[in-house]
């Protein structure tokens, strides 16, 4: 099976760039998730900080799930 994406350049230049950088967007989200995980798991946080980092990580996972996206 093959999939071919076609863009009318230069009119669809932005869409073309977004399609090319999809892997980098995935990496950035994965890295953010890992950094949040590291803070929650390894850093000495007060209760408020722990809750904030946990809430942000949970929100990230909810948004990914709602959009059928996986960063693993």
C-alpha atoms as a PDB file:
ATOM      1  CA  UNK A   1       0.000   0.000   0.000  1.00  0.00           C
ATOM      2  CA  UNK A   2       1.249   3.460  -0.845  1.00  0.00           C
ATOM      3  CA  UNK A   3       0.043   6.898   0.100  1.00  0.00           C
ATOM      4  CA  UNK A   4       0.950   9.985  -1.844  1.00  0.00           C
ATOM      5  CA  UNK A   5       0.466  13.522  -0.619  1.00  0.00           C
ATOM      6  CA  UNK A   6       0.269  16.242  -3.232  1.00  0.00           C
ATOM      7  CA  UNK A   7       0.571  19.967  -2.693  1.00  0.00           C
ATOM      8  CA  UNK A   8       0.129  22.839  -5.109  1.00  0.00           C
ATOM      9  CA  UNK A   9       3.216  24.920  -4.469  1.00  0.00           C
ATOM     10  CA  UNK A  10       3.655  27.727  -3.697  1.00  0.00           C
ATOM     11  CA  UNK A  11      -0.052  28.120  -2.814  1.00  0.00           C
ATOM     12  CA  UNK A  12       0.028  25.291  -0.252  1.00  0.00           C
ATOM     13  CA  UNK A  13       3.529  25.953   1.053  1.00  0.00           C
ATOM     14  CA  UNK A  14       2.407  26.120   4.694  1.00  0.00           C
ATOM     15  CA  UNK A  15       0.508  22.825   4.478  1.00  0.00           C
ATOM     16  CA  UNK A  16       3.524  21.227   2.804  1.00  0.00           C
ATOM     17  CA  UNK A  17       5.858  22.366   5.583  1.00  0.00           C
ATOM     18  CA  UNK A  18       3.430  21.113   8.242  1.00  0.00           C
ATOM     19  CA  UNK A  19       3.259  17.693   6.589  1.00  0.00           C
ATOM     20  CA  UNK A  20       7.054  17.489   6.457  1.00  0.00           C
ATOM     21  CA  UNK A  21       7.486  18.458  10.105  1.00  0.00           C
ATOM     22  CA  UNK A  22       4.906  16.061  11.586  1.00  0.00           C
ATOM     23  CA  UNK A  23       7.625  13.826  13.020  1.00  0.00           C
ATOM     24  CA  UNK A  24       9.268  16.770  14.756  1.00  0.00           C
ATOM     25  CA  UNK A  25       5.936  17.835  16.275  1.00  0.00           C
ATOM     26  CA  UNK A  26       5.539  14.291  17.620  1.00  0.00           C
ATOM     27  CA  UNK A  27       9.043  14.402  19.095  1.00  0.00           C
ATOM     28  CA  UNK A  28       8.396  17.775  20.767  1.00  0.00           C
ATOM     29  CA  UNK A  29       5.198  16.477  22.396  1.00  0.00           C
ATOM     30  CA  UNK A  30       6.950  13.266  23.478  1.00  0.00           C
ATOM     31  CA  UNK A  31       9.815  15.291  24.939  1.00  0.00           C
ATOM     32  CA  UNK A  32       7.387  17.554  26.826  1.00  0.00           C
ATOM     33  CA  UNK A  33       5.627  14.481  28.214  1.00  0.00           C
ATOM     34  CA  UNK A  34       8.944  12.955  29.316  1.00  0.00           C
ATOM     35  CA  UNK A  35      10.108  16.194  30.941  1.00  0.00           C
ATOM     36  CA  UNK A  36       6.829  16.474  32.866  1.00  0.00           C
ATOM     37  CA  UNK A  37       7.129  12.816  33.895  1.00  0.00           C
ATOM     38  CA  UNK A  38      10.670  13.416  35.116  1.00  0.00           C
ATOM     39  CA  UNK A  39       9.656  16.398  37.196  1.00  0.00           C
ATOM     40  CA  UNK A  40       6.769  14.487  38.776  1.00  0.00           C
ATOM     41  CA  UNK A  41       8.802  11.366  39.446  1.00  0.00           C
ATOM     42  CA  UNK A  42      12.259  12.632  40.403  1.00  0.00           C
ATOM     43  CA  UNK A  43      12.124  16.240  41.587  1.00  0.00           C
ATOM     44  CA  UNK A  44      11.282  17.424  45.063  1.00  0.00           C
ATOM     45  CA  UNK A  45       8.024  19.263  44.451  1.00  0.00           C
ATOM     46  CA  UNK A  46       5.575  20.814  46.836  1.00  0.00           C
ATOM     47  CA  UNK A  47       1.959  19.664  46.607  1.00  0.00           C
ATOM     48  CA  UNK A  48       0.925  22.554  44.359  1.00  0.00           C
ATOM     49  CA  UNK A  49       3.801  21.996  41.908  1.00  0.00           C
ATOM     50  CA  UNK A  50       3.151  18.257  41.807  1.00  0.00           C
ATOM     51  CA  UNK A  51      -0.538  18.841  41.066  1.00  0.00           C
ATOM     52  CA  UNK A  52       0.206  21.421  38.368  1.00  0.00           C
ATOM     53  CA  UNK A  53       2.703  19.194  36.533  1.00  0.00           C
ATOM     54  CA  UNK A  54       0.399  16.183  36.869  1.00  0.00           C
ATOM     55  CA  UNK A  55      -2.597  18.154  35.606  1.00  0.00           C
ATOM     56  CA  UNK A  56      -0.662  19.461  32.603  1.00  0.00           C
ATOM     57  CA  UNK A  57       0.564  15.964  31.737  1.00  0.00           C
ATOM     58  CA  UNK A  58      -2.941  14.558  32.090  1.00  0.00           C
ATOM     59  CA  UNK A  59      -4.338  17.320  29.861  1.00  0.00           C
ATOM     60  CA  UNK A  60      -1.686  16.571  27.235  1.00  0.00           C
ATOM     61  CA  UNK A  61      -2.668  12.887  27.274  1.00  0.00           C
ATOM     62  CA  UNK A  62      -6.383  13.740  27.064  1.00  0.00           C
ATOM     63  CA  UNK A  63      -5.873  16.026  24.057  1.00  0.00           C
ATOM     64  CA  UNK A  64      -3.768  13.392  22.296  1.00  0.00           C
ATOM     65  CA  UNK A  65      -6.352  10.697  23.029  1.00  0.00           C
ATOM     66  CA  UNK A  66      -9.277  12.851  21.870  1.00  0.00           C
ATOM     67  CA  UNK A  67      -7.479  13.333  18.567  1.00  0.00           C
ATOM     68  CA  UNK A  68      -6.498   9.646  18.207  1.00  0.00           C
ATOM     69  CA  UNK A  69      -2.808  10.526  18.454  1.00  0.00           C
ATOM     70  CA  UNK A  70      -0.055   8.476  20.044  1.00  0.00           C
ATOM     71  CA  UNK A  71       3.400   9.790  20.921  1.00  0.00           C
ATOM     72  CA  UNK A  72       4.875   6.502  22.100  1.00  0.00           C
END
